[in-house]
Amino acid sequence: MLDQNIDTGDATGRLLFNMLGAIGQFETELRAERQMDGIQKAKARGVHFGRKRSLSVRQINELRDLRSQGVLIKTLMKDYGLSKASVYRYLAPVAKVELLE
């Protein structure tokens, strides 16, 4: 919180105001850099981020087989307890699903 009476009508006030803004931006960027370093170190240790898969590999193959047989997306959503987006994600080409592992 800023309790200072900074008069931005003169050069000194504008300088002070800009300096405080620059320091705030610097702190924000430092925090973001530290966060990214922490994420990279965690990934190097093998930490997995994000939610775990709802379906096993067997269930994914089953879902794909059912869809290829013409089962409606709506039915697959209900049977597997997934959203429409999740069903389509599991139906995506194998390369995309492997990236989720």
PDB file of N, CA and C in Angstrom:
ATOM      1  N   MET A   1       0.841  -1.167   0.000  1.00  0.00           N
ATOM      2  CA  MET A   1       0.000   0.000   0.000  1.00  0.00           C
ATOM      3  C   MET A   1       0.891   1.237   0.000  1.00  0.00           C
ATOM      4  N   LEU A   2       0.499   2.179  -0.747  1.00  0.00           N
ATOM      5  CA  LEU A   2       1.300   3.384  -0.896  1.00  0.00           C
ATOM      6  C   LEU A   2       0.703   4.510  -0.047  1.00  0.00           C
ATOM      7  N   ASP A   3       1.475   4.950   0.940  1.00  0.00           N
ATOM      8  CA  ASP A   3       0.999   6.019   1.817  1.00  0.00           C
ATOM      9  C   ASP A   3       1.662   7.353   1.489  1.00  0.00           C
ATOM     10  N   GLN A   4       2.502   7.358   0.493  1.00  0.00           N
ATOM     11  CA  GLN A   4       3.253   8.572   0.145  1.00  0.00           C
ATOM     12  C   GLN A   4       2.395   9.491  -0.713  1.00  0.00           C
ATOM     13  N   ASN A   5       2.563  10.768  -0.493  1.00  0.00           N
ATOM     14  CA  ASN A   5       1.915  11.747  -1.355  1.00  0.00           C
ATOM     15  C   ASN A   5       2.903  12.090  -2.469  1.00  0.00           C
ATOM     16  N   ILE A   6       2.754  11.403  -3.589  1.00  0.00           N
ATOM     17  CA  ILE A   6       3.654  11.636  -4.712  1.00  0.00           C
ATOM     18  C   ILE A   6       2.963  12.583  -5.681  1.00  0.00           C
ATOM     19  N   ASP A   7       3.590  13.710  -5.915  1.00  0.00           N
ATOM     20  CA  ASP A   7       3.055  14.689  -6.853  1.00  0.00           C
ATOM     21  C   ASP A   7       3.635  14.381  -8.232  1.00  0.00           C
ATOM     22  N   THR A   8       2.816  13.779  -9.099  1.00  0.00           N
ATOM     23  CA  THR A   8       3.292  13.426 -10.438  1.00  0.00           C
ATOM     24  C   THR A   8       3.250  14.622 -11.386  1.00  0.00           C
ATOM     25  N   GLY A   9       2.989  15.777 -10.852  1.00  0.00           N
ATOM     26  CA  GLY A   9       2.964  16.991 -11.661  1.00  0.00           C
ATOM     27  C   GLY A   9       4.350  17.567 -11.897  1.00  0.00           C
ATOM     28  N   ASP A  10       5.332  17.114 -11.132  1.00  0.00           N
ATOM     29  CA  ASP A  10       6.688  17.611 -11.364  1.00  0.00           C
ATOM     30  C   ASP A  10       7.606  16.432 -11.690  1.00  0.00           C
ATOM     31  N   ALA A  11       8.794  16.727 -12.151  1.00  0.00           N
ATOM     32  CA  ALA A  11       9.739  15.716 -12.624  1.00  0.00           C
ATOM     33  C   ALA A  11      10.133  14.741 -11.515  1.00  0.00           C
ATOM     34  N   THR A  12      10.353  15.253 -10.309  1.00  0.00           N
ATOM     35  CA  THR A  12      10.775  14.397  -9.203  1.00  0.00           C
ATOM     36  C   THR A  12       9.690  13.382  -8.849  1.00  0.00           C
ATOM     37  N   GLY A  13       8.459  13.803  -8.814  1.00  0.00           N
ATOM     38  CA  GLY A  13       7.342  12.909  -8.509  1.00  0.00           C
ATOM     39  C   GLY A  13       7.177  11.828  -9.562  1.00  0.00           C
ATOM     40  N   ARG A  14       7.295  12.210 -10.847  1.00  0.00           N
ATOM     41  CA  ARG A  14       7.191  11.231 -11.935  1.00  0.00           C
ATOM     42  C   ARG A  14       8.329  10.233 -11.855  1.00  0.00           C
ATOM     43  N   LEU A  15       9.536  10.692 -11.541  1.00  0.00           N
ATOM     44  CA  LEU A  15      10.687   9.803 -11.404  1.00  0.00           C
ATOM     45  C   LEU A  15      10.456   8.799 -10.289  1.00  0.00           C
ATOM     46  N   LEU A  16      10.025   9.269  -9.142  1.00  0.00           N
ATOM     47  CA  LEU A  16       9.770   8.387  -8.008  1.00  0.00           C
ATOM     48  C   LEU A  16       8.681   7.375  -8.342  1.00  0.00           C
ATOM     49  N   PHE A  17       7.610   7.842  -8.959  1.00  0.00           N
ATOM     50  CA  PHE A  17       6.504   6.962  -9.332  1.00  0.00           C
ATOM     51  C   PHE A  17       6.982   5.871 -10.299  1.00  0.00           C
ATOM     52  N   ASN A  18       7.765   6.260 -11.309  1.00  0.00           N
ATOM     53  CA  ASN A  18       8.279   5.285 -12.278  1.00  0.00           C
ATOM     54  C   ASN A  18       9.268   4.314 -11.643  1.00  0.00           C
ATOM     55  N   MET A  19      10.070   4.792 -10.715  1.00  0.00           N
ATOM     56  CA  MET A  19      11.033   3.916 -10.031  1.00  0.00           C
ATOM     57  C   MET A  19      10.297   2.856  -9.198  1.00  0.00           C
ATOM     58  N   LEU A  20       9.253   3.276  -8.491  1.00  0.00           N
ATOM     59  CA  LEU A  20       8.475   2.315  -7.698  1.00  0.00           C
ATOM     60  C   LEU A  20       7.810   1.273  -8.600  1.00  0.00           C
ATOM     61  N   GLY A  21       7.308   1.714  -9.732  1.00  0.00           N
ATOM     62  CA  GLY A  21       6.704   0.788 -10.690  1.00  0.00           C
ATOM     63  C   GLY A  21       7.727  -0.188 -11.246  1.00  0.00           C
ATOM     64  N   ALA A  22       8.919   0.300 -11.547  1.00  0.00           N
ATOM     65  CA  ALA A  22       9.974  -0.560 -12.087  1.00  0.00           C
ATOM     66  C   ALA A  22      10.404  -1.594 -11.050  1.00  0.00           C
ATOM     67  N   ILE A  23      10.509  -1.197  -9.798  1.00  0.00           N
ATOM     68  CA  ILE A  23      10.892  -2.135  -8.736  1.00  0.00           C
ATOM     69  C   ILE A  23       9.810  -3.208  -8.569  1.00  0.00           C
ATOM     70  N   GLY A  24       8.567  -2.805  -8.626  1.00  0.00           N
ATOM     71  CA  GLY A  24       7.464  -3.768  -8.544  1.00  0.00           C
ATOM     72  C   GLY A  24       7.502  -4.762  -9.685  1.00  0.00           C
ATOM     73  N   GLN A  25       7.747  -4.292 -10.897  1.00  0.00           N
ATOM     74  CA  GLN A  25       7.847  -5.170 -12.068  1.00  0.00           C
ATOM     75  C   GLN A  25       9.025  -6.120 -11.930  1.00  0.00           C
ATOM     76  N   PHE A  26      10.149  -5.619 -11.441  1.00  0.00           N
ATOM     77  CA  PHE A  26      11.346  -6.432 -11.219  1.00  0.00           C
ATOM     78  C   PHE A  26      11.055  -7.573 -10.239  1.00  0.00           C
ATOM     79  N   GLU A  27      10.375  -7.273  -9.148  1.00  0.00           N
ATOM     80  CA  GLU A  27      10.032  -8.302  -8.163  1.00  0.00           C
ATOM     81  C   GLU A  27       9.112  -9.359  -8.764  1.00  0.00           C
ATOM     82  N   THR A  28       8.164  -8.923  -9.572  1.00  0.00           N
ATOM     83  CA  THR A  28       7.243  -9.859 -10.221  1.00  0.00           C
ATOM     84  C   THR A  28       8.001 -10.804 -11.155  1.00  0.00           C
ATOM     85  N   GLU A  29       8.928 -10.260 -11.938  1.00  0.00           N
ATOM     86  CA  GLU A  29       9.708 -11.093 -12.861  1.00  0.00           C
ATOM     87  C   GLU A  29      10.623 -12.046 -12.113  1.00  0.00           C
ATOM     88  N   LEU A  30      11.213 -11.603 -11.006  1.00  0.00           N
ATOM     89  CA  LEU A  30      12.051 -12.499 -10.199  1.00  0.00           C
ATOM     90  C   LEU A  30      11.236 -13.671  -9.660  1.00  0.00           C
ATOM     91  N   ARG A  31      10.040 -13.376  -9.180  1.00  0.00           N
ATOM     92  CA  ARG A  31       9.159 -14.414  -8.643  1.00  0.00           C
ATOM     93  C   ARG A  31       8.806 -15.429  -9.737  1.00  0.00           C
ATOM     94  N   ALA A  32       8.516 -14.957 -10.938  1.00  0.00           N
ATOM     95  CA  ALA A  32       8.178 -15.848 -12.052  1.00  0.00           C
ATOM     96  C   ALA A  32       9.375 -16.715 -12.445  1.00  0.00           C
ATOM     97  N   GLU A  33      10.572 -16.130 -12.446  1.00  0.00           N
ATOM     98  CA  GLU A  33      11.775 -16.901 -12.772  1.00  0.00           C
ATOM     99  C   GLU A  33      12.018 -18.001 -11.744  1.00  0.00           C
ATOM    100  N   ARG A  34      11.857 -17.670 -10.454  1.00  0.00           N
ATOM    101  CA  ARG A  34      12.045 -18.672  -9.401  1.00  0.00           C
ATOM    102  C   ARG A  34      11.022 -19.790  -9.530  1.00  0.00           C
ATOM    103  N   GLN A  35       9.798 -19.424  -9.882  1.00  0.00           N
ATOM    104  CA  GLN A  35       8.758 -20.429 -10.045  1.00  0.00           C
ATOM    105  C   GLN A  35       9.103 -21.376 -11.191  1.00  0.00           C
ATOM    106  N   MET A  36       9.556 -20.830 -12.324  1.00  0.00           N
ATOM    107  CA  MET A  36       9.921 -21.666 -13.465  1.00  0.00           C
ATOM    108  C   MET A  36      11.112 -22.568 -13.130  1.00  0.00           C
ATOM    109  N   ASP A  37      12.085 -22.046 -12.384  1.00  0.00           N
ATOM    110  CA  ASP A  37      13.215 -22.871 -11.957  1.00  0.00           C
ATOM    111  C   ASP A  37      12.736 -24.038 -11.109  1.00  0.00           C
ATOM    112  N   GLY A  38      11.823 -23.768 -10.187  1.00  0.00           N
ATOM    113  CA  GLY A  38      11.278 -24.820  -9.335  1.00  0.00           C
ATOM    114  C   GLY A  38      10.530 -25.871 -10.132  1.00  0.00           C
ATOM    115  N   ILE A  39       9.769 -25.442 -11.117  1.00  0.00           N
ATOM    116  CA  ILE A  39       9.025 -26.382 -11.961  1.00  0.00           C
ATOM    117  C   ILE A  39       9.994 -27.253 -12.753  1.00  0.00           C
ATOM    118  N   GLN A  40      11.042 -26.664 -13.330  1.00  0.00           N
ATOM    119  CA  GLN A  40      12.021 -27.428 -14.094  1.00  0.00           C
ATOM    120  C   GLN A  40      12.757 -28.431 -13.217  1.00  0.00           C
ATOM    121  N   LYS A  41      13.118 -28.034 -11.999  1.00  0.00           N
ATOM    122  CA  LYS A  41      13.797 -28.949 -11.082  1.00  0.00           C
ATOM    123  C   LYS A  41      12.878 -30.101 -10.691  1.00  0.00           C
ATOM    124  N   ALA A  42      11.611 -29.813 -10.461  1.00  0.00           N
ATOM    125  CA  ALA A  42      10.653 -30.859 -10.113  1.00  0.00           C
ATOM    126  C   ALA A  42      10.476 -31.837 -11.272  1.00  0.00           C
ATOM    127  N   LYS A  43      10.385 -31.319 -12.497  1.00  0.00           N
ATOM    128  CA  LYS A  43      10.260 -32.203 -13.667  1.00  0.00           C
ATOM    129  C   LYS A  43      11.494 -33.073 -13.827  1.00  0.00           C
ATOM    130  N   ALA A  44      12.674 -32.515 -13.541  1.00  0.00           N
ATOM    131  CA  ALA A  44      13.914 -33.285 -13.628  1.00  0.00           C
ATOM    132  C   ALA A  44      13.919 -34.429 -12.609  1.00  0.00           C
ATOM    133  N   ARG A  45      13.246 -34.216 -11.471  1.00  0.00           N
ATOM    134  CA  ARG A  45      13.146 -35.265 -10.458  1.00  0.00           C
ATOM    135  C   ARG A  45      12.059 -36.275 -10.787  1.00  0.00           C
ATOM    136  N   GLY A  46      11.295 -36.009 -11.846  1.00  0.00           N
ATOM    137  CA  GLY A  46      10.253 -36.940 -12.261  1.00  0.00           C
ATOM    138  C   GLY A  46       8.872 -36.639 -11.708  1.00  0.00           C
ATOM    139  N   VAL A  47       8.678 -35.459 -11.175  1.00  0.00           N
ATOM    140  CA  VAL A  47       7.369 -35.084 -10.656  1.00  0.00           C
ATOM    141  C   VAL A  47       6.423 -34.852 -11.834  1.00  0.00           C
ATOM    142  N   HIS A  48       5.227 -35.413 -11.745  1.00  0.00           N
ATOM    143  CA  HIS A  48       4.231 -35.228 -12.799  1.00  0.00           C
ATOM    144  C   HIS A  48       3.242 -34.175 -12.348  1.00  0.00           C
ATOM    145  N   PHE A  49       2.948 -33.230 -13.226  1.00  0.00           N
ATOM    146  CA  PHE A  49       2.010 -32.164 -12.928  1.00  0.00           C
ATOM    147  C   PHE A  49       0.664 -32.479 -13.551  1.00  0.00           C
ATOM    148  N   GLY A  50      -0.350 -31.933 -12.983  1.00  0.00           N
ATOM    149  CA  GLY A  50      -1.682 -32.099 -13.541  1.00  0.00           C
ATOM    150  C   GLY A  50      -2.423 -33.276 -12.946  1.00  0.00           C
ATOM    151  N   ARG A  51      -3.622 -33.409 -13.390  1.00  0.00           N
ATOM    152  CA  ARG A  51      -4.517 -34.446 -12.898  1.00  0.00           C
ATOM    153  C   ARG A  51      -4.154 -35.797 -13.501  1.00  0.00           C
ATOM    154  N   LYS A  52      -4.385 -36.866 -12.741  1.00  0.00           N
ATOM    155  CA  LYS A  52      -4.138 -38.202 -13.266  1.00  0.00           C
ATOM    156  C   LYS A  52      -5.227 -38.557 -14.260  1.00  0.00           C
ATOM    157  N   ARG A  53      -4.910 -39.478 -15.160  1.00  0.00           N
ATOM    158  CA  ARG A  53      -5.890 -39.911 -16.141  1.00  0.00           C
ATOM    159  C   ARG A  53      -7.080 -40.582 -15.480  1.00  0.00           C
ATOM    160  N   SER A  54      -8.232 -40.385 -16.083  1.00  0.00           N
ATOM    161  CA  SER A  54      -9.443 -41.025 -15.581  1.00  0.00           C
ATOM    162  C   SER A  54      -9.544 -42.464 -16.066  1.00  0.00           C
ATOM    163  N   LEU A  55      -8.973 -42.731 -17.225  1.00  0.00           N
ATOM    164  CA  LEU A  55      -9.083 -44.056 -17.833  1.00  0.00           C
ATOM    165  C   LEU A  55      -7.720 -44.730 -17.938  1.00  0.00           C
ATOM    166  N   SER A  56      -7.746 -46.051 -17.838  1.00  0.00           N
ATOM    167  CA  SER A  56      -6.522 -46.829 -18.045  1.00  0.00           C
ATOM    168  C   SER A  56      -6.319 -47.011 -19.550  1.00  0.00           C
ATOM    169  N   VAL A  57      -5.168 -47.540 -19.922  1.00  0.00           N
ATOM    170  CA  VAL A  57      -4.881 -47.773 -21.346  1.00  0.00           C
ATOM    171  C   VAL A  57      -5.902 -48.750 -21.927  1.00  0.00           C
ATOM    172  N   ARG A  58      -6.273 -49.764 -21.150  1.00  0.00           N
ATOM    173  CA  ARG A  58      -7.273 -50.736 -21.611  1.00  0.00           C
ATOM    174  C   ARG A  58      -8.611 -50.046 -21.866  1.00  0.00           C
ATOM    175  N   GLN A  59      -9.011 -49.169 -20.955  1.00  0.00           N
ATOM    176  CA  GLN A  59     -10.273 -48.453 -21.116  1.00  0.00           C
ATOM    177  C   GLN A  59     -10.239 -47.505 -22.313  1.00  0.00           C
ATOM    178  N   ILE A  60      -9.086 -46.888 -22.553  1.00  0.00           N
ATOM    179  CA  ILE A  60      -8.955 -45.996 -23.709  1.00  0.00           C
ATOM    180  C   ILE A  60      -9.142 -46.777 -25.001  1.00  0.00           C
ATOM    181  N   ASN A  61      -8.492 -47.944 -25.081  1.00  0.00           N
ATOM    182  CA  ASN A  61      -8.642 -48.780 -26.280  1.00  0.00           C
ATOM    183  C   ASN A  61     -10.084 -49.251 -26.443  1.00  0.00           C
ATOM    184  N   GLU A  62     -10.721 -49.584 -25.328  1.00  0.00           N
ATOM    185  CA  GLU A  62     -12.122 -49.994 -25.341  1.00  0.00           C
ATOM    186  C   GLU A  62     -13.006 -48.854 -25.849  1.00  0.00           C
ATOM    187  N   LEU A  63     -12.762 -47.656 -25.346  1.00  0.00           N
ATOM    188  CA  LEU A  63     -13.516 -46.474 -25.762  1.00  0.00           C
ATOM    189  C   LEU A  63     -13.359 -46.239 -27.263  1.00  0.00           C
ATOM    190  N   ARG A  64     -12.140 -46.367 -27.757  1.00  0.00           N
ATOM    191  CA  ARG A  64     -11.894 -46.169 -29.199  1.00  0.00           C
ATOM    192  C   ARG A  64     -12.593 -47.237 -30.034  1.00  0.00           C
ATOM    193  N   ASP A  65     -12.560 -48.476 -29.554  1.00  0.00           N
ATOM    194  CA  ASP A  65     -13.241 -49.556 -30.277  1.00  0.00           C
ATOM    195  C   ASP A  65     -14.747 -49.300 -30.337  1.00  0.00           C
ATOM    196  N   LEU A  66     -15.318 -48.900 -29.216  1.00  0.00           N
ATOM    197  CA  LEU A  66     -16.756 -48.620 -29.187  1.00  0.00           C
ATOM    198  C   LEU A  66     -17.112 -47.491 -30.143  1.00  0.00           C
ATOM    199  N   ARG A  67     -16.282 -46.440 -30.172  1.00  0.00           N
ATOM    200  CA  ARG A  67     -16.552 -45.315 -31.070  1.00  0.00           C
ATOM    201  C   ARG A  67     -16.442 -45.741 -32.529  1.00  0.00           C
ATOM    202  N   SER A  68     -15.462 -46.595 -32.829  1.00  0.00           N
ATOM    203  CA  SER A  68     -15.311 -47.061 -34.219  1.00  0.00           C
ATOM    204  C   SER A  68     -16.486 -47.941 -34.639  1.00  0.00           C
ATOM    205  N   GLN A  69     -17.176 -48.511 -33.650  1.00  0.00           N
ATOM    206  CA  GLN A  69     -18.365 -49.317 -33.940  1.00  0.00           C
ATOM    207  C   GLN A  69     -19.622 -48.446 -34.064  1.00  0.00           C
ATOM    208  N   GLY A  70     -19.444 -47.130 -33.874  1.00  0.00           N
ATOM    209  CA  GLY A  70     -20.561 -46.213 -34.070  1.00  0.00           C
ATOM    210  C   GLY A  70     -21.284 -45.787 -32.801  1.00  0.00           C
ATOM    211  N   VAL A  71     -20.758 -46.137 -31.645  1.00  0.00           N
ATOM    212  CA  VAL A  71     -21.396 -45.715 -30.398  1.00  0.00           C
ATOM    213  C   VAL A  71     -21.307 -44.194 -30.300  1.00  0.00           C
ATOM    214  N   LEU A  72     -22.389 -43.567 -29.893  1.00  0.00           N
ATOM    215  CA  LEU A  72     -22.455 -42.108 -29.816  1.00  0.00           C
ATOM    216  C   LEU A  72     -21.548 -41.562 -28.715  1.00  0.00           C
ATOM    217  N   ILE A  73     -21.041 -40.359 -28.965  1.00  0.00           N
ATOM    218  CA  ILE A  73     -20.204 -39.666 -27.978  1.00  0.00           C
ATOM    219  C   ILE A  73     -20.985 -39.498 -26.679  1.00  0.00           C
ATOM    220  N   LYS A  74     -22.247 -39.161 -26.797  1.00  0.00           N
ATOM    221  CA  LYS A  74     -23.114 -38.962 -25.633  1.00  0.00           C
ATOM    222  C   LYS A  74     -23.165 -40.224 -24.766  1.00  0.00           C
ATOM    223  N   THR A  75     -23.233 -41.379 -25.406  1.00  0.00           N
ATOM    224  CA  THR A  75     -23.269 -42.654 -24.685  1.00  0.00           C
ATOM    225  C   THR A  75     -21.928 -42.930 -24.018  1.00  0.00           C
ATOM    226  N   LEU A  76     -20.839 -42.647 -24.727  1.00  0.00           N
ATOM    227  CA  LEU A  76     -19.504 -42.849 -24.155  1.00  0.00           C
ATOM    228  C   LEU A  76     -19.300 -41.939 -22.950  1.00  0.00           C
ATOM    229  N   MET A  77     -19.804 -40.713 -23.042  1.00  0.00           N
ATOM    230  CA  MET A  77     -19.691 -39.773 -21.928  1.00  0.00           C
ATOM    231  C   MET A  77     -20.361 -40.354 -20.683  1.00  0.00           C
ATOM    232  N   LYS A  78     -21.550 -40.884 -20.866  1.00  0.00           N
ATOM    233  CA  LYS A  78     -22.313 -41.426 -19.744  1.00  0.00           C
ATOM    234  C   LYS A  78     -21.658 -42.695 -19.203  1.00  0.00           C
ATOM    235  N   ASP A  79     -21.264 -43.603 -20.095  1.00  0.00           N
ATOM    236  CA  ASP A  79     -20.695 -44.882 -19.673  1.00  0.00           C
ATOM    237  C   ASP A  79     -19.375 -44.731 -18.928  1.00  0.00           C
ATOM    238  N   TYR A  80     -18.558 -43.777 -19.356  1.00  0.00           N
ATOM    239  CA  TYR A  80     -17.227 -43.618 -18.757  1.00  0.00           C
ATOM    240  C   TYR A  80     -17.156 -42.465 -17.765  1.00  0.00           C
ATOM    241  N   GLY A  81     -18.241 -41.709 -17.628  1.00  0.00           N
ATOM    242  CA  GLY A  81     -18.261 -40.592 -16.683  1.00  0.00           C
ATOM    243  C   GLY A  81     -17.306 -39.475 -17.067  1.00  0.00           C
ATOM    244  N   LEU A  82     -17.242 -39.176 -18.363  1.00  0.00           N
ATOM    245  CA  LEU A  82     -16.321 -38.162 -18.869  1.00  0.00           C
ATOM    246  C   LEU A  82     -17.088 -37.007 -19.511  1.00  0.00           C
ATOM    247  N   SER A  83     -16.428 -35.883 -19.626  1.00  0.00           N
ATOM    248  CA  SER A  83     -17.003 -34.762 -20.360  1.00  0.00           C
ATOM    249  C   SER A  83     -16.802 -35.014 -21.853  1.00  0.00           C
ATOM    250  N   LYS A  84     -17.495 -34.238 -22.655  1.00  0.00           N
ATOM    251  CA  LYS A  84     -17.362 -34.368 -24.109  1.00  0.00           C
ATOM    252  C   LYS A  84     -15.913 -34.106 -24.539  1.00  0.00           C
ATOM    253  N   ALA A  85     -15.299 -33.081 -23.959  1.00  0.00           N
ATOM    254  CA  ALA A  85     -13.921 -32.743 -24.315  1.00  0.00           C
ATOM    255  C   ALA A  85     -12.972 -33.892 -23.967  1.00  0.00           C
ATOM    256  N   SER A  86     -13.196 -34.537 -22.826  1.00  0.00           N
ATOM    257  CA  SER A  86     -12.331 -35.651 -22.427  1.00  0.00           C
ATOM    258  C   SER A  86     -12.482 -36.831 -23.367  1.00  0.00           C
ATOM    259  N   VAL A  87     -13.711 -37.127 -23.771  1.00  0.00           N
ATOM    260  CA  VAL A  87     -13.929 -38.232 -24.718  1.00  0.00           C
ATOM    261  C   VAL A  87     -13.174 -37.953 -26.010  1.00  0.00           C
ATOM    262  N   TYR A  88     -13.313 -36.752 -26.546  1.00  0.00           N
ATOM    263  CA  TYR A  88     -12.614 -36.411 -27.785  1.00  0.00           C
ATOM    264  C   TYR A  88     -11.097 -36.446 -27.596  1.00  0.00           C
ATOM    265  N   ARG A  89     -10.625 -36.059 -26.429  1.00  0.00           N
ATOM    266  CA  ARG A  89      -9.182 -36.093 -26.154  1.00  0.00           C
ATOM    267  C   ARG A  89      -8.682 -37.533 -26.177  1.00  0.00           C
ATOM    268  N   TYR A  90      -9.459 -38.451 -25.581  1.00  0.00           N
ATOM    269  CA  TYR A  90      -9.064 -39.854 -25.585  1.00  0.00           C
ATOM    270  C   TYR A  90      -9.184 -40.470 -26.977  1.00  0.00           C
ATOM    271  N   LEU A  91     -10.057 -39.922 -27.816  1.00  0.00           N
ATOM    272  CA  LEU A  91     -10.217 -40.431 -29.174  1.00  0.00           C
ATOM    273  C   LEU A  91      -9.182 -39.850 -30.139  1.00  0.00           C
ATOM    274  N   ALA A  92      -8.427 -38.881 -29.688  1.00  0.00           N
ATOM    275  CA  ALA A  92      -7.415 -38.241 -30.534  1.00  0.00           C
ATOM    276  C   ALA A  92      -6.359 -39.269 -30.950  1.00  0.00           C
ATOM    277  N   PRO A  93      -5.570 -38.946 -31.989  1.00  0.00           N
ATOM    278  CA  PRO A  93      -4.518 -39.864 -32.420  1.00  0.00           C
ATOM    279  C   PRO A  93      -3.612 -40.272 -31.255  1.00  0.00           C
ATOM    280  N   VAL A  94      -3.050 -41.444 -31.349  1.00  0.00           N
ATOM    281  CA  VAL A  94      -2.250 -42.034 -30.268  1.00  0.00           C
ATOM    282  C   VAL A  94      -1.161 -41.104 -29.767  1.00  0.00           C
ATOM    283  N   ALA A  95      -0.520 -40.371 -30.659  1.00  0.00           N
ATOM    284  CA  ALA A  95       0.577 -39.490 -30.266  1.00  0.00           C
ATOM    285  C   ALA A  95       0.124 -38.464 -29.221  1.00  0.00           C
ATOM    286  N   LYS A  96      -1.083 -37.928 -29.380  1.00  0.00           N
ATOM    287  CA  LYS A  96      -1.571 -36.935 -28.431  1.00  0.00           C
ATOM    288  C   LYS A  96      -1.801 -37.549 -27.060  1.00  0.00           C
ATOM    289  N   VAL A  97      -2.379 -38.744 -27.022  1.00  0.00           N
ATOM    290  CA  VAL A  97      -2.676 -39.391 -25.746  1.00  0.00           C
ATOM    291  C   VAL A  97      -1.392 -39.806 -25.053  1.00  0.00           C
ATOM    292  N   GLU A  98      -0.390 -40.224 -25.814  1.00  0.00           N
ATOM    293  CA  GLU A  98       0.881 -40.610 -25.208  1.00  0.00           C
ATOM    294  C   GLU A  98       1.553 -39.415 -24.548  1.00  0.00           C
ATOM    295  N   LEU A  99       1.335 -38.210 -25.089  1.00  0.00           N
ATOM    296  CA  LEU A  99       1.902 -37.012 -24.484  1.00  0.00           C
ATOM    297  C   LEU A  99       1.325 -36.777 -23.098  1.00  0.00           C
ATOM    298  N   LEU A 100       0.101 -37.249 -22.861  1.00  0.00           N
ATOM    299  CA  LEU A 100      -0.540 -37.062 -21.556  1.00  0.00           C
ATOM    300  C   LEU A 100       0.070 -37.951 -20.488  1.00  0.00           C
ATOM    301  N   GLU A 101       0.761 -39.004 -20.882  1.00  0.00           N
ATOM    302  CA  GLU A 101       1.303 -39.956 -19.892  1.00  0.00           C
ATOM    303  C   GLU A 101       2.454 -39.392 -19.133  1.00  0.00           C
TER     304      GLU A 101
END
